[in-house]
Protein backbone atom coordinates (compact mmCIF):
# COMPACT_ATOMS: atom_id res chain seq x y z
CA MET A 1 -44.18 15.49 -21.32
CA THR A 2 -45.54 16.30 -18.63
CA GLY A 3 -45.19 15.16 -15.03
CA GLU A 4 -47.47 14.20 -12.87
CA LYS A 5 -47.99 16.14 -9.38
CA VAL A 6 -47.33 13.74 -6.05
CA VAL A 7 -50.69 14.83 -4.46
CA SER A 8 -50.41 11.98 -1.42
CA ASN A 9 -48.08 12.04 1.48
CA LEU A 10 -47.85 8.44 1.28
CA ALA A 11 -46.82 8.74 -2.54
CA ARG A 12 -44.26 11.46 -1.62
CA PHE A 13 -42.62 9.27 1.11
CA VAL A 14 -42.45 6.56 -0.86
CA VAL A 15 -40.77 8.36 -3.94
CA VAL A 16 -38.13 9.76 -1.17
CA VAL A 17 -37.54 6.60 0.22
CA TRP A 18 -36.68 5.32 -3.54
CA VAL A 19 -34.23 8.01 -4.41
CA PHE A 20 -32.33 7.36 -1.31
CA VAL A 21 -32.03 3.62 -2.04
CA VAL A 22 -31.28 4.25 -5.41
CA LEU A 23 -28.33 7.08 -4.45
CA ILE A 24 -26.87 4.26 -1.75
CA LEU A 25 -26.74 1.63 -4.61
CA VAL A 26 -24.85 4.10 -6.82
CA GLN A 27 -22.67 4.80 -4.23
CA SER A 28 -22.11 1.34 -3.00
CA TYR A 29 -21.38 0.39 -6.40
CA THR A 30 -19.10 2.94 -7.11
CA ALA A 31 -16.89 2.48 -3.55
CA SER A 32 -16.78 -1.35 -4.64
CA LEU A 33 -15.08 -0.80 -8.12
CA THR A 34 -12.66 1.74 -6.70
CA SER A 35 -11.78 -0.73 -4.16
CA LEU A 36 -11.04 -3.55 -6.48
CA LEU A 37 -9.08 -1.08 -8.47
CA THR A 38 -7.06 0.16 -5.71
CA VAL A 39 -6.37 -3.21 -3.79
CA GLU A 40 -4.73 -4.41 -7.15
CA GLN A 41 -2.20 -1.91 -7.25
CA LEU A 42 -1.38 -2.11 -3.49
CA ARG A 43 -0.50 -5.93 -3.52
CA PRO A 44 3.40 -6.11 -3.14
CA ALA A 45 5.23 -8.12 -5.52
CA ILE A 46 7.76 -9.80 -2.94
CA THR A 47 5.86 -11.19 0.20
CA ASP A 48 8.69 -13.71 1.43
CA VAL A 49 12.05 -13.29 2.78
CA ASN A 50 12.98 -16.33 0.61
CA GLN A 51 12.02 -14.63 -2.93
CA LEU A 52 14.51 -11.92 -1.90
CA LEU A 53 17.17 -14.16 -0.96
CA LYS A 54 16.20 -16.41 -4.39
CA ASN A 55 15.96 -13.10 -6.66
CA LYS A 56 19.56 -12.02 -5.39
CA MET A 57 17.70 -8.78 -4.67
CA ASN A 58 19.27 -6.13 -2.39
CA VAL A 59 17.83 -5.32 1.13
CA GLY A 60 18.04 -2.04 3.23
CA TYR A 61 18.95 -1.58 7.06
CA LEU A 62 19.43 1.28 9.21
CA LYS A 63 23.25 1.57 10.03
CA GLY A 64 23.72 0.53 13.39
CA SER A 65 20.70 -1.35 13.96
CA PHE A 66 20.45 -4.88 15.40
CA VAL A 67 18.54 -5.87 12.03
CA TYR A 68 21.85 -6.48 10.29
CA GLY A 69 22.57 -9.79 12.46
CA ILE A 70 18.95 -10.58 11.82
CA LEU A 71 19.61 -10.67 8.10
CA LYS A 72 23.02 -12.35 7.93
CA ASN A 73 20.98 -15.14 10.09
CA LEU A 74 19.06 -15.46 7.14
CA GLY A 75 21.44 -15.91 4.84
CA PHE A 76 21.96 -12.53 3.07
CA PRO A 77 25.28 -12.09 1.85
CA ASP A 78 27.45 -8.76 2.81
CA SER A 79 26.60 -7.85 -1.32
CA GLN A 80 22.94 -7.92 -0.78
CA LEU A 81 22.92 -5.38 2.38
CA ILE A 82 22.96 -1.91 1.80
CA THR A 83 22.93 0.44 4.70
CA TYR A 84 20.97 3.62 4.79
CA GLN A 85 20.98 6.76 7.36
CA SER A 86 17.84 8.10 7.39
CA PRO A 87 14.35 7.81 5.85
CA GLU A 88 15.40 9.84 2.76
CA GLU A 89 18.30 7.72 1.75
CA CYS A 90 16.32 4.64 2.18
CA ASN A 91 13.69 6.55 -0.40
CA GLU A 92 16.43 7.56 -2.58
CA LEU A 93 17.61 3.35 -2.62
CA PHE A 94 13.89 2.65 -3.10
CA ILE A 95 13.43 5.08 -6.36
CA LYS A 96 16.87 3.42 -7.58
CA GLY A 97 15.93 -0.60 -7.25
CA SER A 98 18.56 -3.36 -7.10
CA VAL A 99 19.21 -2.97 -11.03
CA ASN A 100 21.16 0.54 -10.32
CA GLY A 101 22.38 0.38 -7.03
CA GLY A 102 19.83 0.75 -4.86
CA ILE A 103 17.20 -1.67 -3.16
CA ASP A 104 13.91 -3.69 -2.97
CA ALA A 105 13.10 -4.10 0.17
CA ALA A 106 13.96 -2.38 3.71
CA PHE A 107 14.18 -4.06 6.99
CA ASP A 108 13.43 -1.63 10.26
CA GLU A 109 11.73 -1.26 13.41
CA VAL A 110 8.29 -0.60 13.49
CA PRO A 111 8.69 2.92 14.69
CA TYR A 112 10.86 3.84 12.05
CA VAL A 113 8.65 1.95 9.66
CA LYS A 114 5.66 3.96 10.42
CA HIS A 115 7.76 7.32 10.32
CA PHE A 116 8.97 6.32 6.59
CA LEU A 117 5.42 5.22 5.77
CA GLY A 118 3.80 8.69 6.85
CA THR A 119 6.28 10.79 5.03
CA TYR A 120 6.60 8.83 1.42
């Protein structure tokens, strides 16, 4: 099979534009597909404090934090409240989960949460 030479400058311009349009469409499709697959994995299983209470899931809070009082006011019994003293300990509790004496959620102040999310 022999290819024909593009002689006209206008034809060259059209071919170049066509190649870029196809490239953009392929990249857009790939990005959309990746986004759809990733977003499904990032959705949290628990989205409401009441679900934690209803399912009797353990929650963590930083030792000495004012968050303990808020959690008690929300109705969490002491048996569901677990303290941690560092982001490392919080991560270990998340890995264990409620079934193994860990936590399923943590309540903390925004700067500490940002640090935790940046680290883990």
